[in-house]
């Protein structure tokens, strides 16, 4: 079976974001991981390891990291794995590049402290053209 979600972008390269990117890469998806930290981009692309947040854990060689948000905007689906308090700022930077109806999966928990908005409300304001989804767990 072929998925229409072959190009996956993961925004946030901490331990959780890197783990989600690794799962998608192992599932055969083309994955681009956005990191704020240049050292993470260099480590993922150079040694296939996130030495800052997941040292010693080998990553799929197909997984690619970038520090440029515009490089991930044309993905078939975008996983937002930034902390809740940074979600709006990152979404606002990314929003002009998100195509109408692109699924944006919110993978962070919490509310925006300044507004008490749920992250789905933040997404609706920052990138109304996106198709919202939420990944939650225990």
N, C-alpha and C. Protein backbone atom coordinates (compact mmCIF):
# COMPACT_ATOMS: atom_id res chain seq x y z
N UNK A 1 0.84 -1.17 0.00
CA UNK A 1 0.00 0.00 0.00
C UNK A 1 0.89 1.24 0.00
N UNK A 2 0.54 2.21 -0.82
CA UNK A 2 1.30 3.44 -0.91
C UNK A 2 0.63 4.52 -0.08
N UNK A 3 1.43 5.25 0.68
CA UNK A 3 0.91 6.34 1.50
C UNK A 3 1.06 7.64 0.74
N UNK A 4 0.10 8.54 0.92
CA UNK A 4 0.26 9.85 0.30
C UNK A 4 1.15 10.75 1.16
N UNK A 5 1.57 10.25 2.30
CA UNK A 5 2.45 11.00 3.19
C UNK A 5 3.86 10.41 3.13
N UNK A 6 4.54 10.67 2.03
CA UNK A 6 5.88 10.13 1.86
C UNK A 6 6.97 11.09 2.32
N UNK A 7 6.71 12.38 2.22
CA UNK A 7 7.68 13.39 2.66
C UNK A 7 7.21 13.95 3.99
N UNK A 8 7.95 13.64 5.04
CA UNK A 8 7.58 14.03 6.39
C UNK A 8 8.59 15.04 6.92
N UNK A 9 8.08 16.11 7.50
CA UNK A 9 8.93 17.10 8.16
C UNK A 9 8.67 17.02 9.66
N UNK A 10 9.73 17.04 10.43
CA UNK A 10 9.63 17.06 11.88
C UNK A 10 10.29 18.35 12.35
N UNK A 11 9.51 19.20 13.01
CA UNK A 11 10.00 20.50 13.47
C UNK A 11 10.28 20.40 14.97
N UNK A 12 11.55 20.35 15.31
CA UNK A 12 11.96 20.21 16.70
C UNK A 12 12.81 18.96 16.83
N UNK A 13 14.10 19.15 17.11
CA UNK A 13 15.04 18.03 17.09
C UNK A 13 15.55 17.67 18.48
N UNK A 14 14.68 17.82 19.49
CA UNK A 14 15.01 17.30 20.80
C UNK A 14 14.88 15.78 20.77
N UNK A 15 14.89 15.15 21.93
CA UNK A 15 14.80 13.70 21.99
C UNK A 15 13.49 13.19 21.37
N UNK A 16 12.36 13.82 21.68
CA UNK A 16 11.06 13.39 21.18
C UNK A 16 10.96 13.58 19.67
N UNK A 17 11.34 14.74 19.18
CA UNK A 17 11.29 15.00 17.74
C UNK A 17 12.21 14.07 16.96
N UNK A 18 13.40 13.85 17.49
CA UNK A 18 14.35 12.95 16.82
C UNK A 18 13.81 11.53 16.80
N UNK A 19 13.20 11.09 17.90
CA UNK A 19 12.63 9.74 17.95
C UNK A 19 11.50 9.59 16.93
N UNK A 20 10.63 10.59 16.82
CA UNK A 20 9.55 10.54 15.82
C UNK A 20 10.12 10.53 14.40
N UNK A 21 11.14 11.32 14.16
CA UNK A 21 11.78 11.35 12.84
C UNK A 21 12.39 9.99 12.51
N UNK A 22 13.01 9.37 13.49
CA UNK A 22 13.63 8.05 13.30
C UNK A 22 12.57 7.00 12.94
N UNK A 23 11.45 7.02 13.64
CA UNK A 23 10.37 6.06 13.35
C UNK A 23 9.87 6.24 11.91
N UNK A 24 9.67 7.48 11.50
CA UNK A 24 9.19 7.75 10.14
C UNK A 24 10.23 7.32 9.10
N UNK A 25 11.50 7.57 9.37
CA UNK A 25 12.55 7.16 8.44
C UNK A 25 12.62 5.64 8.33
N UNK A 26 12.51 4.96 9.46
CA UNK A 26 12.53 3.49 9.46
C UNK A 26 11.32 2.92 8.72
N UNK A 27 10.24 3.69 8.66
CA UNK A 27 9.04 3.25 7.94
C UNK A 27 9.15 3.55 6.44
N UNK A 28 10.31 4.04 6.02
CA UNK A 28 10.54 4.26 4.60
C UNK A 28 10.14 5.62 4.08
N UNK A 29 9.86 6.54 4.98
CA UNK A 29 9.48 7.89 4.56
C UNK A 29 10.73 8.75 4.35
N UNK A 30 10.60 9.76 3.51
CA UNK A 30 11.66 10.75 3.31
C UNK A 30 11.47 11.80 4.40
N UNK A 31 12.40 11.85 5.35
CA UNK A 31 12.21 12.68 6.54
C UNK A 31 13.26 13.79 6.61
N UNK A 32 12.76 14.99 6.87
CA UNK A 32 13.64 16.12 7.14
C UNK A 32 13.34 16.61 8.55
N UNK A 33 14.37 16.71 9.35
CA UNK A 33 14.27 17.13 10.75
C UNK A 33 14.80 18.55 10.88
N UNK A 34 13.96 19.47 11.37
CA UNK A 34 14.41 20.85 11.57
C UNK A 34 14.93 21.00 12.99
N UNK A 35 16.12 21.58 13.09
CA UNK A 35 16.73 21.83 14.40
C UNK A 35 17.12 23.29 14.50
N UNK A 36 16.92 23.85 15.66
CA UNK A 36 17.34 25.22 15.94
C UNK A 36 18.86 25.29 16.12
N UNK A 37 19.43 24.22 16.63
CA UNK A 37 20.85 24.18 16.96
C UNK A 37 21.67 23.67 15.78
N UNK A 38 22.63 24.47 15.33
CA UNK A 38 23.49 24.09 14.20
C UNK A 38 24.26 22.81 14.51
N UNK A 39 24.65 22.62 15.77
CA UNK A 39 25.41 21.41 16.11
C UNK A 39 24.57 20.14 15.94
N UNK A 40 23.26 20.24 16.13
CA UNK A 40 22.39 19.08 15.91
C UNK A 40 22.31 18.78 14.42
N UNK A 41 22.14 19.81 13.60
CA UNK A 41 22.09 19.62 12.15
C UNK A 41 23.37 18.94 11.67
N UNK A 42 24.51 19.43 12.12
CA UNK A 42 25.80 18.86 11.72
C UNK A 42 25.95 17.43 12.19
N UNK A 43 25.54 17.14 13.41
CA UNK A 43 25.67 15.80 13.97
C UNK A 43 24.77 14.80 13.25
N UNK A 44 23.52 15.17 13.03
CA UNK A 44 22.58 14.26 12.35
C UNK A 44 23.05 13.98 10.93
N UNK A 45 23.45 15.02 10.21
CA UNK A 45 23.87 14.85 8.82
C UNK A 45 25.26 14.22 8.70
N UNK A 46 26.13 14.47 9.67
CA UNK A 46 27.50 13.98 9.57
C UNK A 46 27.72 12.59 10.13
N UNK A 47 27.21 12.35 11.35
CA UNK A 47 27.47 11.07 12.02
C UNK A 47 26.21 10.24 12.24
N UNK A 48 25.07 10.74 11.76
CA UNK A 48 23.78 10.05 11.90
C UNK A 48 23.48 9.75 13.37
N UNK A 49 23.66 10.80 14.17
CA UNK A 49 23.38 10.74 15.60
C UNK A 49 23.03 12.15 16.07
N UNK A 50 22.09 12.26 16.98
CA UNK A 50 21.79 13.56 17.60
C UNK A 50 22.60 13.60 18.89
N UNK A 51 23.84 14.04 18.78
CA UNK A 51 24.77 13.96 19.91
C UNK A 51 24.37 14.86 21.07
N UNK A 52 23.55 15.87 20.83
CA UNK A 52 23.14 16.77 21.91
C UNK A 52 21.98 16.19 22.72
N UNK A 53 20.99 15.62 22.05
CA UNK A 53 19.77 15.17 22.75
C UNK A 53 19.60 13.66 22.84
N UNK A 54 20.23 12.90 21.95
CA UNK A 54 20.16 11.43 22.00
C UNK A 54 21.54 10.83 21.72
N UNK A 55 22.52 11.14 22.54
CA UNK A 55 23.87 10.64 22.28
C UNK A 55 23.92 9.11 22.31
N UNK A 56 24.68 8.56 21.37
CA UNK A 56 24.87 7.11 21.33
C UNK A 56 23.78 6.34 20.62
N UNK A 57 22.74 7.01 20.15
CA UNK A 57 21.65 6.34 19.45
C UNK A 57 21.84 6.56 17.95
N UNK A 58 22.12 5.49 17.19
CA UNK A 58 22.32 5.66 15.75
C UNK A 58 20.99 5.97 15.05
N UNK A 59 21.06 6.89 14.09
CA UNK A 59 19.87 7.29 13.33
C UNK A 59 19.96 6.74 11.91
N UNK A 60 18.81 6.54 11.31
CA UNK A 60 18.73 6.07 9.94
C UNK A 60 19.53 7.01 9.03
N UNK A 61 20.31 6.44 8.14
CA UNK A 61 21.16 7.25 7.26
C UNK A 61 20.36 8.11 6.30
N UNK A 62 19.10 7.77 6.07
CA UNK A 62 18.27 8.56 5.15
C UNK A 62 17.74 9.83 5.80
N UNK A 63 17.76 9.89 7.12
CA UNK A 63 17.23 11.05 7.85
C UNK A 63 18.14 12.25 7.61
N UNK A 64 17.53 13.36 7.21
CA UNK A 64 18.30 14.57 6.92
C UNK A 64 17.85 15.69 7.84
N UNK A 65 18.79 16.48 8.31
CA UNK A 65 18.48 17.61 9.20
C UNK A 65 18.76 18.93 8.48
N UNK A 66 18.04 19.96 8.90
CA UNK A 66 18.22 21.30 8.35
C UNK A 66 17.97 22.33 9.44
N UNK A 67 18.52 23.49 9.25
CA UNK A 67 18.25 24.61 10.15
C UNK A 67 17.35 25.65 9.49
N UNK A 68 16.88 25.36 8.28
CA UNK A 68 16.06 26.29 7.51
C UNK A 68 14.62 25.81 7.45
N UNK A 69 13.71 26.57 8.02
CA UNK A 69 12.29 26.18 8.00
C UNK A 69 11.74 26.05 6.59
N UNK A 70 12.19 26.89 5.68
CA UNK A 70 11.64 26.85 4.32
C UNK A 70 11.94 25.52 3.63
N UNK A 71 12.96 24.80 4.08
CA UNK A 71 13.30 23.51 3.48
C UNK A 71 12.32 22.40 3.85
N UNK A 72 11.54 22.61 4.88
CA UNK A 72 10.62 21.55 5.30
C UNK A 72 9.17 21.87 4.96
N UNK A 73 8.93 23.03 4.42
CA UNK A 73 7.55 23.49 4.22
C UNK A 73 6.79 22.71 3.15
N UNK A 74 7.45 22.09 2.22
CA UNK A 74 6.76 21.38 1.15
C UNK A 74 6.52 19.91 1.46
N UNK A 75 6.60 19.55 2.71
CA UNK A 75 6.37 18.17 3.12
C UNK A 75 4.89 17.80 2.96
N UNK A 76 4.63 16.50 2.85
CA UNK A 76 3.25 16.00 2.77
C UNK A 76 2.56 16.10 4.12
N UNK A 77 3.33 16.05 5.20
CA UNK A 77 2.81 16.19 6.56
C UNK A 77 3.92 16.78 7.42
N UNK A 78 3.52 17.59 8.39
CA UNK A 78 4.48 18.27 9.27
C UNK A 78 4.17 17.91 10.71
N UNK A 79 5.16 17.39 11.42
CA UNK A 79 5.02 17.10 12.85
C UNK A 79 5.67 18.24 13.63
N UNK A 80 4.88 18.93 14.44
CA UNK A 80 5.39 20.05 15.24
C UNK A 80 5.74 19.52 16.63
N UNK A 81 7.03 19.50 16.93
CA UNK A 81 7.50 18.91 18.18
C UNK A 81 8.30 19.94 18.98
N UNK A 82 7.95 21.21 18.82
CA UNK A 82 8.57 22.27 19.60
C UNK A 82 7.82 22.41 20.93
N UNK A 83 8.45 22.94 21.96
CA UNK A 83 7.74 23.17 23.22
C UNK A 83 6.53 24.10 23.00
N UNK A 84 5.51 23.91 23.79
CA UNK A 84 4.26 24.67 23.64
C UNK A 84 4.49 26.17 23.62
N UNK A 85 5.42 26.66 24.43
CA UNK A 85 5.62 28.11 24.53
C UNK A 85 6.34 28.70 23.32
N UNK A 86 6.86 27.86 22.45
CA UNK A 86 7.53 28.33 21.23
C UNK A 86 6.72 28.00 19.98
N UNK A 87 5.62 27.29 20.15
CA UNK A 87 4.85 26.80 19.01
C UNK A 87 4.36 27.93 18.11
N UNK A 88 3.76 28.97 18.67
CA UNK A 88 3.21 30.06 17.85
C UNK A 88 4.32 30.72 17.01
N UNK A 89 5.43 31.04 17.63
CA UNK A 89 6.52 31.73 16.92
C UNK A 89 7.00 30.89 15.74
N UNK A 90 7.20 29.60 15.96
CA UNK A 90 7.69 28.74 14.88
C UNK A 90 6.62 28.57 13.81
N UNK A 91 5.37 28.38 14.21
CA UNK A 91 4.29 28.26 13.23
C UNK A 91 4.14 29.52 12.40
N UNK A 92 4.26 30.67 13.02
CA UNK A 92 4.14 31.93 12.27
C UNK A 92 5.26 32.07 11.24
N UNK A 93 6.45 31.59 11.56
CA UNK A 93 7.55 31.63 10.60
C UNK A 93 7.32 30.65 9.45
N UNK A 94 6.74 29.52 9.77
CA UNK A 94 6.52 28.45 8.80
C UNK A 94 5.26 28.65 7.97
N UNK A 95 4.26 29.31 8.53
CA UNK A 95 2.92 29.41 7.92
C UNK A 95 2.90 29.84 6.46
N UNK A 96 3.66 30.85 6.04
CA UNK A 96 3.58 31.26 4.64
C UNK A 96 3.97 30.16 3.64
N UNK A 97 4.69 29.16 4.12
CA UNK A 97 5.15 28.08 3.25
C UNK A 97 4.25 26.85 3.29
N UNK A 98 3.32 26.78 4.23
CA UNK A 98 2.47 25.60 4.37
C UNK A 98 1.35 25.65 3.34
N UNK A 99 1.24 24.62 2.52
CA UNK A 99 0.19 24.56 1.50
C UNK A 99 -1.17 24.30 2.15
N UNK A 100 -2.21 24.77 1.50
CA UNK A 100 -3.59 24.55 1.96
C UNK A 100 -3.83 23.06 2.17
N UNK A 101 -4.35 22.71 3.34
CA UNK A 101 -4.73 21.33 3.64
C UNK A 101 -3.60 20.42 4.08
N UNK A 102 -2.39 20.94 4.23
CA UNK A 102 -1.29 20.11 4.70
C UNK A 102 -1.54 19.72 6.15
N UNK A 103 -1.48 18.42 6.47
CA UNK A 103 -1.64 18.02 7.87
C UNK A 103 -0.48 18.53 8.72
N UNK A 104 -0.82 19.18 9.81
CA UNK A 104 0.16 19.62 10.80
C UNK A 104 -0.20 18.91 12.10
N UNK A 105 0.68 18.02 12.52
CA UNK A 105 0.44 17.19 13.70
C UNK A 105 1.12 17.84 14.89
N UNK A 106 0.34 18.23 15.87
CA UNK A 106 0.86 18.84 17.09
C UNK A 106 1.29 17.73 18.04
N UNK A 107 2.58 17.69 18.35
CA UNK A 107 3.14 16.61 19.16
C UNK A 107 3.61 17.10 20.53
N UNK A 108 3.28 18.32 20.87
CA UNK A 108 3.64 18.87 22.17
C UNK A 108 2.40 18.89 23.05
N UNK A 109 2.61 18.94 24.34
CA UNK A 109 1.47 19.03 25.25
C UNK A 109 1.51 20.38 25.95
N UNK A 110 0.37 20.77 26.46
CA UNK A 110 0.30 22.00 27.21
C UNK A 110 -0.55 23.05 26.54
N UNK A 111 -0.55 24.22 27.13
CA UNK A 111 -1.28 25.37 26.60
C UNK A 111 -0.30 26.52 26.45
N UNK A 112 -0.66 27.46 25.62
CA UNK A 112 0.14 28.67 25.47
C UNK A 112 -0.11 29.54 26.70
N UNK A 113 0.91 29.82 27.48
CA UNK A 113 0.74 30.53 28.75
C UNK A 113 0.17 31.93 28.58
N UNK A 114 0.58 32.64 27.56
CA UNK A 114 0.16 34.04 27.42
C UNK A 114 -1.32 34.19 27.06
N UNK A 115 -1.91 33.15 26.44
CA UNK A 115 -3.32 33.23 26.01
C UNK A 115 -4.21 32.18 26.64
N UNK A 116 -3.61 31.17 27.25
CA UNK A 116 -4.32 29.97 27.72
C UNK A 116 -4.98 29.20 26.58
N UNK A 117 -4.48 29.38 25.36
CA UNK A 117 -5.01 28.65 24.20
C UNK A 117 -4.45 27.24 24.17
N UNK A 118 -5.30 26.31 23.73
CA UNK A 118 -4.81 24.99 23.38
C UNK A 118 -3.96 25.13 22.13
N UNK A 119 -3.09 24.17 21.89
CA UNK A 119 -2.21 24.28 20.73
C UNK A 119 -2.99 24.21 19.42
N UNK A 120 -4.13 23.55 19.41
CA UNK A 120 -4.97 23.56 18.20
C UNK A 120 -5.48 24.96 17.90
N UNK A 121 -5.75 25.74 18.95
CA UNK A 121 -6.19 27.12 18.76
C UNK A 121 -5.05 27.99 18.25
N UNK A 122 -3.85 27.73 18.75
CA UNK A 122 -2.67 28.45 18.28
C UNK A 122 -2.46 28.15 16.79
N UNK A 123 -2.55 26.88 16.42
CA UNK A 123 -2.40 26.49 15.01
C UNK A 123 -3.46 27.16 14.14
N UNK A 124 -4.70 27.20 14.60
CA UNK A 124 -5.78 27.81 13.82
C UNK A 124 -5.51 29.29 13.57
N UNK A 125 -4.91 29.97 14.51
CA UNK A 125 -4.58 31.39 14.33
C UNK A 125 -3.33 31.59 13.48
N UNK A 126 -2.31 30.79 13.73
CA UNK A 126 -1.01 31.01 13.08
C UNK A 126 -0.96 30.46 11.65
N UNK A 127 -1.64 29.36 11.41
CA UNK A 127 -1.61 28.72 10.08
C UNK A 127 -2.98 28.13 9.78
N UNK A 128 -3.98 28.97 9.54
CA UNK A 128 -5.35 28.49 9.36
C UNK A 128 -5.54 27.57 8.16
N UNK A 129 -4.62 27.60 7.21
CA UNK A 129 -4.74 26.75 6.03
C UNK A 129 -4.35 25.30 6.31
N UNK A 130 -3.70 25.06 7.44
CA UNK A 130 -3.24 23.71 7.79
C UNK A 130 -4.41 22.85 8.25
N UNK A 131 -4.25 21.55 8.06
CA UNK A 131 -5.23 20.57 8.54
C UNK A 131 -4.71 20.06 9.89
N UNK A 132 -5.38 20.40 11.00
CA UNK A 132 -4.83 20.06 12.32
C UNK A 132 -5.00 18.59 12.69
N UNK A 133 -3.99 18.09 13.40
CA UNK A 133 -4.03 16.75 13.98
C UNK A 133 -3.22 16.82 15.27
N UNK A 134 -3.48 15.89 16.18
CA UNK A 134 -2.78 15.87 17.46
C UNK A 134 -2.29 14.46 17.74
N UNK A 135 -1.05 14.35 18.17
CA UNK A 135 -0.49 13.09 18.64
C UNK A 135 -0.43 13.18 20.15
N UNK A 136 -1.09 12.27 20.84
CA UNK A 136 -1.07 12.31 22.30
C UNK A 136 -0.77 10.93 22.85
N UNK A 137 -0.45 10.91 24.11
CA UNK A 137 -0.14 9.65 24.75
C UNK A 137 -0.21 9.80 26.26
N UNK A 138 0.30 8.81 26.94
CA UNK A 138 0.21 8.84 28.40
C UNK A 138 1.00 9.98 29.02
